C-alpha atoms as a PDB file:
ATOM      1  CA  MET A   1     103.661  97.522  63.349  1.00  0.00           C
ATOM      2  CA  PRO A   2     104.576  95.407  60.191  1.00  0.00           C
ATOM      3  CA  ILE A   3     104.840  99.078  58.078  1.00  0.00           C
ATOM      4  CA  LYS A   4     107.695 101.081  58.399  1.00  0.00           C
ATOM      5  CA  LYS A   5     109.151 104.471  57.223  1.00  0.00           C
ATOM      6  CA  GLY A   6     110.184 103.972  53.807  1.00  0.00           C
ATOM      7  CA  ASP A   7     107.822 101.447  52.863  1.00  0.00           C
ATOM      8  CA  LYS A   8     106.148 100.836  49.489  1.00  0.00           C
ATOM      9  CA  VAL A   9     102.761 100.010  49.864  1.00  0.00           C
ATOM     10  CA  LYS A  10      99.630  99.991  47.903  1.00  0.00           C
ATOM     11  CA  ILE A  11      96.352 101.322  48.562  1.00  0.00           C
ATOM     12  CA  LEU A  12      93.447  98.990  48.972  1.00  0.00           C
ATOM     13  CA  ALA A  13      90.224 101.617  49.090  1.00  0.00           C
ATOM     14  CA  GLY A  14      89.066 105.104  48.695  1.00  0.00           C
ATOM     15  CA  LYS A  15      89.635 107.974  46.029  1.00  0.00           C
ATOM     16  CA  ASP A  16      93.216 106.666  45.230  1.00  0.00           C
ATOM     17  CA  LYS A  17      92.887 102.910  44.741  1.00  0.00           C
ATOM     18  CA  GLY A  18      95.043 100.771  43.636  1.00  0.00           C
ATOM     19  CA  LYS A  19      98.390 103.421  43.264  1.00  0.00           C
ATOM     20  CA  ALA A  20     101.322 102.641  45.497  1.00  0.00           C
ATOM     21  CA  GLY A  21     103.936 104.930  46.555  1.00  0.00           C
ATOM     22  CA  LYS A  22     106.216 105.498  49.736  1.00  0.00           C
ATOM     23  CA  VAL A  23     105.340 105.638  53.552  1.00  0.00           C
ATOM     24  CA  LEU A  24     106.594 109.143  54.727  1.00  0.00           C
ATOM     25  CA  GLN A  25     105.149 108.922  58.413  1.00  0.00           C
ATOM     26  CA  ILE A  26     103.225 107.041  60.652  1.00  0.00           C
ATOM     27  CA  LEU A  27     101.141 107.085  63.814  1.00  0.00           C
ATOM     28  CA  PRO A  28     100.745 103.833  65.467  1.00  0.00           C
ATOM     29  CA  GLU A  29      98.414 105.408  68.537  1.00  0.00           C
ATOM     30  CA  GLU A  30      95.717 106.248  65.876  1.00  0.00           C
ATOM     31  CA  GLY A  31      96.988 103.159  63.469  1.00  0.00           C
ATOM     32  CA  ARG A  32      97.018 105.779  60.195  1.00  0.00           C
ATOM     33  CA  VAL A  33      99.822 106.136  57.650  1.00  0.00           C
ATOM     34  CA  SER A  34     100.817 108.695  55.597  1.00  0.00           C
ATOM     35  CA  VAL A  35     102.089 107.670  51.609  1.00  0.00           C
ATOM     36  CA  GLU A  36     103.820 110.146  49.538  1.00  0.00           C
ATOM     37  CA  GLY A  37     101.732 111.851  46.384  1.00  0.00           C
ATOM     38  CA  LEU A  38      98.737 109.848  47.434  1.00  0.00           C
ATOM     39  CA  ASN A  39      95.610 111.384  49.458  1.00  0.00           C
ATOM     40  CA  ILE A  40      96.237 114.878  48.395  1.00  0.00           C
ATOM     41  CA  LEU A  41      94.390 117.348  50.910  1.00  0.00           C
ATOM     42  CA  VAL A  42      94.168 121.080  49.383  1.00  0.00           C
ATOM     43  CA  LYS A  43      93.890 123.706  52.452  1.00  0.00           C
ATOM     44  CA  HIS A  44      93.169 127.628  51.503  1.00  0.00           C
ATOM     45  CA  LEU A  45      94.968 130.069  53.368  1.00  0.00           C
ATOM     46  CA  ARG A  46      93.809 133.857  53.074  1.00  0.00           C
ATOM     47  CA  PRO A  47      95.908 136.881  52.775  1.00  0.00           C
ATOM     48  CA  ARG A  48      97.653 138.236  56.015  1.00  0.00           C
ATOM     49  CA  ARG A  49      98.557 141.785  54.494  1.00  0.00           C
ATOM     50  CA  ALA A  50      96.531 144.071  52.005  1.00  0.00           C
ATOM     51  CA  GLY A  51      97.419 143.261  48.786  1.00  0.00           C
ATOM     52  CA  GLU A  52      98.791 139.784  49.408  1.00  0.00           C
ATOM     53  CA  LYS A  53      97.157 136.925  47.180  1.00  0.00           C
ATOM     54  CA  GLY A  54      95.897 134.001  49.111  1.00  0.00           C
ATOM     55  CA  GLN A  55      97.406 130.393  48.585  1.00  0.00           C
ATOM     56  CA  ARG A  56      96.592 126.907  48.361  1.00  0.00           C
ATOM     57  CA  ILE A  57      98.536 124.224  50.504  1.00  0.00           C
ATOM     58  CA  GLU A  58      98.705 120.621  49.149  1.00  0.00           C
ATOM     59  CA  PHE A  59      99.635 117.908  51.410  1.00  0.00           C
ATOM     60  CA  PRO A  60      99.698 114.288  51.701  1.00  0.00           C
ATOM     61  CA  SER A  61      96.978 113.380  54.110  1.00  0.00           C
ATOM     62  CA  PHE A  62      96.769 109.878  56.497  1.00  0.00           C
ATOM     63  CA  VAL A  63      94.783 106.805  55.382  1.00  0.00           C
ATOM     64  CA  ASN A  64      94.031 104.135  57.658  1.00  0.00           C
ATOM     65  CA  LEU A  65      96.532 101.349  58.309  1.00  0.00           C
ATOM     66  CA  SER A  66      93.749  98.596  57.389  1.00  0.00           C
ATOM     67  CA  ASN A  67      93.950 100.287  53.727  1.00  0.00           C
ATOM     68  CA  VAL A  68      97.290 100.029  53.056  1.00  0.00           C
ATOM     69  CA  ALA A  69      99.288  96.481  52.025  1.00  0.00           C
ATOM     70  CA  ILE A  70     102.658  96.313  51.645  1.00  0.00           C
ATOM     71  CA  VAL A  71     104.567  95.928  48.318  1.00  0.00           C
ATOM     72  CA  CYS A  72     107.624  93.068  48.648  1.00  0.00           C
ATOM     73  CA  PRO A  73     110.470  94.527  47.082  1.00  0.00           C
ATOM     74  CA  LYS A  74     111.668  91.011  45.726  1.00  0.00           C
ATOM     75  CA  CYS A  75     108.974  89.740  44.062  1.00  0.00           C
ATOM     76  CA  GLY A  76     107.002  93.225  43.588  1.00  0.00           C
ATOM     77  CA  LYS A  77     103.465  91.785  44.882  1.00  0.00           C
ATOM     78  CA  GLN A  78     101.061  92.907  47.312  1.00  0.00           C
ATOM     79  CA  THR A  79     101.347  90.623  50.480  1.00  0.00           C
ATOM     80  CA  ARG A  80     100.808  90.612  53.854  1.00  0.00           C
ATOM     81  CA  LEU A  81     103.635  89.945  56.426  1.00  0.00           C
ATOM     82  CA  ALA A  82     104.904  87.021  58.828  1.00  0.00           C
ATOM     83  CA  SER A  83     107.761  87.298  61.406  1.00  0.00           C
ATOM     84  CA  LYS A  84     110.714  85.116  61.276  1.00  0.00           C
ATOM     85  CA  ILE A  85     113.047  84.703  64.387  1.00  0.00           C
ATOM     86  CA  VAL A  86     116.147  83.640  64.634  1.00  0.00           C
ATOM     87  CA  LYS A  87     118.409  82.837  67.398  1.00  0.00           C
ATOM     88  CA  GLY A  88     121.051  84.531  68.423  1.00  0.00           C
ATOM     89  CA  GLU A  89     124.030  82.722  69.527  1.00  0.00           C
ATOM     90  CA  ALA A  90     125.952  82.348  72.838  1.00  0.00           C
ATOM     91  CA  GLY A  91     125.438  85.992  74.133  1.00  0.00           C
ATOM     92  CA  LYS A  92     123.827  87.293  71.174  1.00  0.00           C
ATOM     93  CA  LYS A  93     119.713  88.536  71.196  1.00  0.00           C
ATOM     94  CA  ASP A  94     117.285  86.807  69.010  1.00  0.00           C
ATOM     95  CA  GLN A  95     116.591  88.918  65.722  1.00  0.00           C
ATOM     96  CA  LYS A  96     113.154  88.803  64.494  1.00  0.00           C
ATOM     97  CA  PHE A  97     112.871  89.439  60.544  1.00  0.00           C
ATOM     98  CA  ARG A  98     109.627  90.370  58.458  1.00  0.00           C
ATOM     99  CA  VAL A  99     108.586  87.885  55.637  1.00  0.00           C
ATOM    100  CA  CYS A 100     106.944  88.079  52.412  1.00  0.00           C
ATOM    101  CA  LYS A 101     103.989  85.527  52.691  1.00  0.00           C
ATOM    102  CA  LYS A 102     104.114  85.551  48.859  1.00  0.00           C
ATOM    103  CA  CYS A 103     107.726  84.475  47.740  1.00  0.00           C
ATOM    104  CA  GLY A 104     108.894  83.868  51.278  1.00  0.00           C
ATOM    105  CA  GLU A 105     111.862  86.418  51.492  1.00  0.00           C
ATOM    106  CA  THR A 106     112.800  88.650  53.839  1.00  0.00           C
ATOM    107  CA  ILE A 107     112.091  92.096  53.639  1.00  0.00           C
ATOM    108  CA  GLU A 108     114.983  94.831  54.947  1.00  0.00           C
END
């Protein structure tokens, strides 16, 4: 999964196309991601007791993973990601980094 919680992403399709926000939650099995302040849905709740008012609850819904692109924190452009593996020294594990395809900087 190239996108992680806390990454800044840009929406590529849908009603919020072109807007950017921070990733709140990821569902890797379903390939969906929730972005802060985007793709807001409204749920209406009925009153439970007499004299109580109904409510409207707004919450960010999930967007398909193919409809978001990560925004590089270094160059500020939307980009694809490459992976770079750095060999560990004797007794250490190899490390895998995410790399911006446009500027070549490692992300996080």
